[in-house]
Protein backbone atom coordinates (compact mmCIF):
# COMPACT_ATOMS: atom_id res chain seq x y z
CA UNK A 1 119.67 62.66 149.83
CA UNK A 2 119.10 59.12 147.94
CA UNK A 3 116.26 57.91 149.84
CA UNK A 4 115.65 54.16 150.16
CA UNK A 5 111.87 54.93 150.38
CA UNK A 6 111.98 56.98 147.09
CA UNK A 7 114.13 54.43 145.02
CA UNK A 8 112.75 51.01 145.85
CA UNK A 9 109.65 51.42 143.67
CA UNK A 10 108.94 53.09 140.57
CA UNK A 11 106.02 55.94 140.58
CA UNK A 12 102.94 54.37 141.00
CA UNK A 13 104.23 50.65 141.53
CA UNK A 14 103.68 48.62 144.61
CA UNK A 15 106.95 48.03 146.47
CA UNK A 16 108.21 44.70 147.76
CA UNK A 17 107.54 45.48 151.37
CA UNK A 18 105.61 48.68 152.04
CA UNK A 19 103.69 50.93 149.56
CA UNK A 20 106.30 53.80 149.21
CA UNK A 21 104.59 56.30 147.15
CA UNK A 22 107.71 58.55 146.16
CA UNK A 23 108.71 58.98 142.49
CA UNK A 24 111.98 57.76 141.30
CA UNK A 25 114.96 60.46 141.54
CA UNK A 26 115.46 62.98 138.42
CA UNK A 27 117.33 61.52 135.75
CA UNK A 28 120.97 62.72 135.76
CA UNK A 29 122.51 64.63 132.90
CA UNK A 30 124.50 62.34 130.54
CA UNK A 31 123.83 58.50 129.12
CA UNK A 32 121.32 56.39 130.64
CA UNK A 33 122.34 53.50 132.98
CA UNK A 34 123.24 50.27 131.08
CA UNK A 35 120.39 47.72 130.31
CA UNK A 36 122.34 44.77 132.42
CA UNK A 37 124.91 44.71 134.87
CA UNK A 38 127.16 41.68 136.37
CA UNK A 39 125.76 40.22 139.58
CA UNK A 40 128.39 38.19 141.37
CA UNK A 41 127.05 36.18 144.33
CA UNK A 42 129.57 34.60 146.65
CA UNK A 43 129.50 32.48 149.78
CA UNK A 44 132.42 34.10 151.57
CA UNK A 45 132.87 31.96 154.83
CA UNK A 46 129.87 29.79 155.62
CA UNK A 47 130.30 25.86 155.65
CA UNK A 48 127.52 24.01 154.18
CA UNK A 49 125.45 25.12 151.33
CA UNK A 50 124.10 28.50 150.34
CA UNK A 51 121.50 29.18 147.74
CA UNK A 52 120.44 32.65 146.26
CA UNK A 53 117.39 34.17 144.85
CA UNK A 54 116.90 37.38 142.65
CA UNK A 55 113.27 38.75 142.79
CA UNK A 56 111.68 41.95 141.62
CA UNK A 57 109.61 43.79 139.13
CA UNK A 58 110.85 44.06 135.48
CA UNK A 59 111.81 47.56 134.46
CA UNK A 60 109.39 48.54 131.68
CA UNK A 61 106.52 45.94 132.14
CA UNK A 62 106.14 45.93 136.02
CA UNK A 63 105.77 42.03 135.92
CA UNK A 64 107.10 40.00 138.69
CA UNK A 65 110.17 38.13 137.79
CA UNK A 66 112.98 35.77 139.46
CA UNK A 67 116.22 35.11 137.86
CA UNK A 68 117.05 31.43 137.12
CA UNK A 69 120.67 30.11 137.80
CA UNK A 70 121.64 30.66 134.08
CA UNK A 71 120.30 34.39 134.26
CA UNK A 72 117.08 33.84 132.21
CA UNK A 73 113.98 35.40 133.65
CA UNK A 74 111.15 33.47 135.06
CA UNK A 75 107.62 35.47 134.87
CA UNK A 76 105.19 34.72 137.59
CA UNK A 77 101.84 33.44 136.36
CA UNK A 78 99.41 36.49 135.97
CA UNK A 79 96.27 34.73 137.83
CA UNK A 80 95.25 31.41 139.12
CA UNK A 81 95.08 29.74 142.56
CA UNK A 82 97.96 30.25 145.29
CA UNK A 83 100.46 27.96 144.11
CA UNK A 84 103.97 27.23 144.60
CA UNK A 85 106.47 28.53 141.94
CA UNK A 86 109.07 26.31 140.18
CA UNK A 87 112.51 26.23 141.80
CA UNK A 88 114.41 29.39 140.76
CA UNK A 89 117.54 29.02 143.37
CA UNK A 90 120.98 30.01 142.29
CA UNK A 91 123.31 27.42 144.06
CA UNK A 92 126.61 29.27 145.34
CA UNK A 93 129.96 27.61 145.28
CA UNK A 94 131.55 26.57 148.29
CA UNK A 95 132.90 28.99 150.88
CA UNK A 96 136.33 30.35 149.46
CA UNK A 97 135.64 29.18 145.90
CA UNK A 98 134.72 32.49 144.37
CA UNK A 99 131.30 34.08 143.08
CA UNK A 100 128.70 32.70 140.86
CA UNK A 101 128.18 35.38 138.05
CA UNK A 102 124.78 36.08 136.67
CA UNK A 103 123.61 38.88 134.34
CA UNK A 104 121.22 41.33 136.19
CA UNK A 105 118.52 43.17 133.88
CA UNK A 106 117.03 46.18 135.12
CA UNK A 107 114.17 45.55 137.76
CA UNK A 108 113.00 47.54 140.71
CA UNK A 109 111.63 46.98 144.14
CA UNK A 110 113.89 43.90 144.14
CA UNK A 111 115.71 41.79 146.52
CA UNK A 112 118.54 39.30 146.51
CA UNK A 113 117.74 36.40 149.24
CA UNK A 114 120.19 33.90 150.69
CA UNK A 115 119.31 31.06 152.60
CA UNK A 116 121.67 28.39 154.30
CA UNK A 117 121.36 24.66 153.94
CA UNK A 118 118.14 24.73 152.28
CA UNK A 119 115.89 26.34 149.79
CA UNK A 120 113.27 29.03 149.99
CA UNK A 121 109.78 28.26 148.94
CA UNK A 122 108.02 31.18 147.02
CA UNK A 123 104.36 31.25 145.91
CA UNK A 124 102.36 33.28 143.54
CA UNK A 125 98.90 34.40 144.56
CA UNK A 126 95.74 34.54 142.58
CA UNK A 127 96.44 38.13 141.47
CA UNK A 128 100.08 37.15 140.00
CA UNK A 129 101.91 38.92 143.07
CA UNK A 130 104.91 37.01 144.62
CA UNK A 131 104.16 35.69 148.15
CA UNK A 132 107.56 35.99 149.70
CA UNK A 133 108.82 34.38 152.90
CA UNK A 134 107.34 35.61 156.19
CA UNK A 135 109.56 36.36 159.24
CA UNK A 136 106.53 36.72 161.82
CA UNK A 137 104.15 33.80 160.73
CA UNK A 138 105.19 30.61 162.15
CA UNK A 139 103.00 28.70 159.79
CA UNK A 140 104.97 29.57 156.88
CA UNK A 141 107.04 26.91 155.47
CA UNK A 142 110.09 29.12 155.61
CA UNK A 143 109.69 30.43 159.04
CA UNK A 144 112.42 28.11 160.76
CA UNK A 145 114.83 28.49 157.84
CA UNK A 146 118.02 30.88 158.05
CA UNK A 147 117.75 33.50 155.27
CA UNK A 148 118.11 37.08 154.76
CA UNK A 149 118.13 39.64 152.00
CA UNK A 150 119.44 43.03 150.52
CA UNK A 151 117.26 45.37 148.40
CA UNK A 152 117.98 47.02 145.08
CA UNK A 153 116.44 48.88 142.28
CA UNK A 154 118.15 48.95 138.68
CA UNK A 155 116.65 51.42 136.23
CA UNK A 156 117.32 53.70 133.63
CA UNK A 157 118.92 56.14 136.08
CA UNK A 158 121.15 53.94 138.20
CA UNK A 159 121.65 51.01 140.34
CA UNK A 160 120.73 51.49 143.97
CA UNK A 161 121.46 48.93 146.84
CA UNK A 162 121.10 49.02 150.47
CA UNK A 163 121.48 46.76 153.54
CA UNK A 164 118.25 47.21 155.25
CA UNK A 165 117.30 46.27 158.94
CA UNK A 166 114.15 48.13 158.79
CA UNK A 167 112.28 44.81 158.98
CA UNK A 168 114.54 42.30 160.60
CA UNK A 169 118.19 41.04 161.48
CA UNK A 170 119.21 37.47 160.93
CA UNK A 171 122.12 35.25 161.77
CA UNK A 172 123.16 35.58 157.87
CA UNK A 173 125.38 38.37 157.45
CA UNK A 174 125.34 40.18 153.88
CA UNK A 175 127.73 42.79 152.38
CA UNK A 176 128.40 44.13 149.08
CA UNK A 177 130.55 46.17 146.67
CA UNK A 178 129.23 48.23 143.82
CA UNK A 179 131.51 48.90 140.88
CA UNK A 180 130.88 51.65 137.91
CA UNK A 181 131.97 55.10 137.92
CA UNK A 182 133.22 54.54 141.33
CA UNK A 183 133.50 51.66 143.75
CA UNK A 184 131.69 51.53 147.03
CA UNK A 185 131.47 48.73 149.68
CA UNK A 186 128.96 48.33 152.27
CA UNK A 187 130.01 46.04 155.11
CA UNK A 188 127.97 43.12 156.75
CA UNK A 189 126.96 42.60 160.30
CA UNK A 190 129.58 42.07 162.87
CA UNK A 191 130.44 38.35 163.78
CA UNK A 192 127.53 36.82 166.06
CA UNK A 193 125.74 40.24 165.81
CA UNK A 194 122.32 38.61 165.80
CA UNK A 195 122.95 36.92 169.14
CA UNK A 196 124.23 40.15 170.51
CA UNK A 197 121.36 42.15 169.14
CA UNK A 198 118.81 39.63 170.77
CA UNK A 199 120.63 39.97 174.14
CA UNK A 200 120.63 43.70 174.03
CA UNK A 201 116.80 43.83 173.18
CA UNK A 202 116.15 41.23 176.05
CA UNK A 203 118.26 43.69 178.30
CA UNK A 204 116.14 46.59 177.29
CA UNK A 205 113.09 45.14 178.17
CA UNK A 206 114.46 44.77 181.80
CA UNK A 207 115.11 48.49 181.74
CA UNK A 208 111.95 49.87 180.56
CA UNK A 209 109.38 46.92 180.37
CA UNK A 210 108.52 47.45 176.71
CA UNK A 211 108.15 44.37 174.57
CA UNK A 212 111.55 44.65 173.04
CA UNK A 213 112.36 40.94 174.04
CA UNK A 214 109.47 39.76 172.03
CA UNK A 215 111.08 40.83 168.88
CA UNK A 216 113.59 38.10 169.14
CA UNK A 217 112.60 34.89 167.35
CA UNK A 218 114.32 31.75 168.39
CA UNK A 219 114.14 27.85 167.31
CA UNK A 220 115.12 25.72 169.97
CA UNK A 221 117.30 28.21 171.65
CA UNK A 222 119.02 29.33 168.33
CA UNK A 223 118.23 32.81 167.44
CA UNK A 224 116.65 32.83 163.89
CA UNK A 225 116.21 36.42 163.66
CA UNK A 226 114.94 39.69 165.17
CA UNK A 227 112.16 41.71 164.02
CA UNK A 228 111.65 45.57 164.22
CA UNK A 229 108.87 47.12 166.35
CA UNK A 230 106.47 48.05 163.55
CA UNK A 231 106.53 44.10 162.44
CA UNK A 232 105.68 43.10 166.17
CA UNK A 233 102.54 40.60 165.90
CA UNK A 234 99.86 41.86 168.51
CA UNK A 235 99.87 38.39 170.12
CA UNK A 236 103.61 39.08 171.34
CA UNK A 237 102.97 42.56 172.66
CA UNK A 238 102.49 46.04 171.90
CA UNK A 239 104.38 49.58 171.65
CA UNK A 240 101.19 51.48 170.83
CA UNK A 241 101.72 53.97 173.76
CA UNK A 242 105.35 53.79 173.74
CA UNK A 243 106.01 57.49 172.18
CA UNK A 244 103.13 59.29 173.81
CA UNK A 245 105.05 61.28 176.52
CA UNK A 246 107.85 61.97 174.05
CA UNK A 247 105.48 63.27 171.56
CA UNK A 248 103.46 65.26 174.18
CA UNK A 249 106.90 66.86 175.32
CA UNK A 250 107.96 67.71 171.76
CA UNK A 251 104.45 69.60 171.10
CA UNK A 252 104.81 71.22 174.40
CA UNK A 253 108.34 72.52 173.66
CA UNK A 254 107.64 73.94 170.12
CA UNK A 255 104.46 75.73 171.23
CA UNK A 256 106.70 78.45 172.38
CA UNK A 257 110.02 77.54 170.56
CA UNK A 258 110.97 77.57 166.79
CA UNK A 259 111.77 74.36 165.12
CA UNK A 260 113.90 74.78 162.20
CA UNK A 261 114.40 72.02 159.71
CA UNK A 262 117.02 72.29 156.90
CA UNK A 263 115.31 70.52 153.79
CA UNK A 264 118.51 70.66 151.86
CA UNK A 265 117.86 72.20 148.38
CA UNK A 266 114.49 73.43 149.44
CA UNK A 267 115.57 75.68 152.19
CA UNK A 268 115.11 76.11 155.88
CA UNK A 269 111.67 75.81 157.38
CA UNK A 270 110.67 77.09 160.77
CA UNK A 271 107.84 75.48 162.50
CA UNK A 272 105.47 75.78 165.69
CA UNK A 273 103.11 73.55 167.30
CA UNK A 274 99.44 74.90 167.58
CA UNK A 275 95.91 73.38 167.85
CA UNK A 276 97.57 70.02 168.00
CA UNK A 277 99.62 70.37 164.72
CA UNK A 278 102.93 71.26 163.86
CA UNK A 279 102.97 73.86 161.33
CA UNK A 280 105.69 75.09 158.82
CA UNK A 281 104.83 78.22 156.77
CA UNK A 282 105.55 77.35 153.09
CA UNK A 283 104.50 73.89 153.32
CA UNK A 284 100.91 72.77 152.03
CA UNK A 285 99.99 70.83 155.04
CA UNK A 286 100.75 70.70 158.82
CA UNK A 287 101.93 67.46 160.76
CA UNK A 288 99.56 65.89 163.30
CA UNK A 289 101.06 64.63 166.35
CA UNK A 290 102.30 61.16 165.38
CA UNK A 291 101.44 57.77 167.05
CA UNK A 292 103.99 54.98 168.14
CA UNK A 293 103.03 53.10 164.65
CA UNK A 294 103.65 56.40 162.57
CA UNK A 295 107.23 56.80 164.25
CA UNK A 296 108.11 53.21 164.01
CA UNK A 297 106.94 52.75 160.44
CA UNK A 298 107.44 56.10 158.97
CA UNK A 299 104.80 55.27 156.74
CA UNK A 300 101.28 56.42 158.31
CA UNK A 301 99.75 59.42 159.97
CA UNK A 302 101.78 62.48 159.43
CA UNK A 303 104.64 60.57 158.00
CA UNK A 304 102.49 59.17 155.21
CA UNK A 305 104.60 59.45 152.00
CA UNK A 306 102.50 61.96 149.86
CA UNK A 307 103.03 65.61 149.25
CA UNK A 308 105.31 68.13 147.57
CA UNK A 309 109.16 67.58 147.48
CA UNK A 310 109.57 70.29 150.21
CA UNK A 311 106.96 68.66 152.38
CA UNK A 312 108.47 65.04 151.95
CA UNK A 313 111.94 66.47 152.62
CA UNK A 314 110.82 68.03 156.00
CA UNK A 315 108.77 64.90 156.83
CA UNK A 316 111.75 62.59 156.34
CA UNK A 317 113.72 64.80 158.69
CA UNK A 318 111.10 64.96 161.40
CA UNK A 319 110.57 61.08 161.15
CA UNK A 320 114.28 60.76 161.50
CA UNK A 321 114.29 63.17 164.53
CA UNK A 322 111.71 61.06 166.25
CA UNK A 323 113.35 57.64 165.84
CA UNK A 324 116.67 59.26 166.94
CA UNK A 325 114.96 61.40 169.80
CA UNK A 326 116.70 64.38 169.05
CA UNK A 327 113.95 66.73 169.00
CA UNK A 328 114.00 67.79 172.73
CA UNK A 329 117.77 68.50 172.63
CA UNK A 330 118.08 70.10 169.13
CA UNK A 331 116.07 72.70 167.65
CA UNK A 332 117.95 72.74 164.34
CA UNK A 333 117.32 69.34 162.39
CA UNK A 334 119.10 67.77 161.15
CA UNK A 335 122.45 69.92 161.00
CA UNK A 336 122.80 70.63 164.73
CA UNK A 337 123.06 66.95 165.40
CA UNK A 338 125.62 64.17 164.96
CA UNK A 339 125.52 60.39 165.41
CA UNK A 340 126.84 60.84 168.95
CA UNK A 341 123.58 62.63 169.70
CA UNK A 342 121.19 59.91 168.55
CA UNK A 343 119.33 57.34 171.06
CA UNK A 344 120.04 59.48 174.04
CA UNK A 345 116.71 59.69 175.45
CA UNK A 346 115.33 57.08 177.60
CA UNK A 347 112.39 56.84 174.97
CA UNK A 348 114.09 56.21 171.38
CA UNK A 349 113.90 53.62 168.72
CA UNK A 350 116.11 51.00 170.76
CA UNK A 351 115.79 48.70 167.84
CA UNK A 352 117.75 51.10 165.46
CA UNK A 353 120.26 52.16 168.54
CA UNK A 354 121.01 48.35 169.18
CA UNK A 355 121.31 47.44 165.34
CA UNK A 356 123.70 50.52 164.86
CA UNK A 357 125.82 49.11 167.85
CA UNK A 358 126.32 45.99 166.17
CA UNK A 359 126.46 46.81 162.33
CA UNK A 360 129.10 49.16 160.66
CA UNK A 361 126.21 50.18 158.14
CA UNK A 362 122.61 49.73 157.51
CA UNK A 363 119.10 51.19 157.82
CA UNK A 364 117.50 50.81 161.28
CA UNK A 365 114.59 52.76 160.25
CA UNK A 366 113.19 53.96 156.73
CA UNK A 367 114.55 57.57 156.92
CA UNK A 368 118.01 56.39 158.50
CA UNK A 369 119.70 58.04 155.32
CA UNK A 370 118.78 61.38 156.82
CA UNK A 371 122.20 63.00 157.79
CA UNK A 372 123.55 66.36 158.90
CA UNK A 373 125.54 68.41 156.37
CA UNK A 374 129.12 67.38 155.90
CA UNK A 375 128.59 64.01 157.88
CA UNK A 376 129.00 60.51 156.52
CA UNK A 377 125.50 59.02 156.42
CA UNK A 378 124.97 55.90 158.75
CA UNK A 379 122.70 53.93 156.25
CA UNK A 380 124.23 51.01 154.21
CA UNK A 381 123.43 52.23 150.74
CA UNK A 382 125.37 52.43 147.43
CA UNK A 383 124.41 53.66 144.00
CA UNK A 384 126.05 54.17 140.36
CA UNK A 385 124.69 55.63 137.23
CA UNK A 386 127.01 53.31 135.24
CA UNK A 387 127.19 50.05 137.32
CA UNK A 388 129.25 47.26 135.74
CA UNK A 389 129.50 44.75 138.65
CA UNK A 390 127.60 44.49 141.99
CA UNK A 391 129.48 41.66 144.20
CA UNK A 392 127.16 40.68 147.11
CA UNK A 393 128.82 38.20 149.65
CA UNK A 394 127.19 36.28 152.50
CA UNK A 395 129.11 35.32 155.57
């Protein structure tokens, strides 16, 4: 399983969004990935202007870089006061005029941004870190701009790219095709998906009273974006107790029933809940009962990304089962489940459910790449160890 949380950072490096701690995938047999790859950036259908930006850490040095429009690297200053950096926008051709092509170097924890009819303002802070646009802080100069991004890591092993809706969905659909040893296409959001997602989130609040409607951010009636539950500012509401009754029911069930988790190549682990912890013999530590923040973020409490590879494999499958609310209905995870079983409980990750209902592919939560054996994964990712062209389209 190629994990978004594993591949987006190099070992020990800081991630773009969340401090993922996993190491890179083991190197495949054969030649290393090429040093560069063609990056084709295209406005497929949007009227007006579109600018792109490529940000990330340079492979080898770890320094923050942005690509200029001619493909050269812009290195962030290493220290100083908070300051706006120079314009590194890559203007795209008008819709239907074909892609703008630059040379992509190896870089990790990286993003390709697009913004419509505007430019994104980036800053560097006093420690030399890139300050990227905020989708929740209305004081940010980029707050009311229409922008979005896809994520990637390009290292000596492969180019891995994904469409992530872990943080937000915007009214700017992105899709891509990665060509190398094979060709894989990841489709964008459907037409008017942001508006439909916003409407569905508001409707869900009408059903259960939870602040799903507060995930919608609008400007003068126009939907700018919808943000995921773990990004909800406290002033807009709280999901703190949302998963409590479900977690309690899971612990009650598995106090007297075996929970079997197929950890892929590491084997099947059988666990029981006892003394407040879910314990699997053969793993170095147990799982405490997760809070709502733990479940939505997949990055705290029992789901903190630290431990042996077998432990991390079981952890990912448990986190996915919680978000998809399949633990009360399926005692074998994940292989007894299918996408038709996901999100059936009234308590579930309705954000991910609604996103998937309006998008052909894409991560709704960090471990959305967990899939039952033999079934097509629902995440929107592609990877290739010999990439020659990555064609990213907006519109």
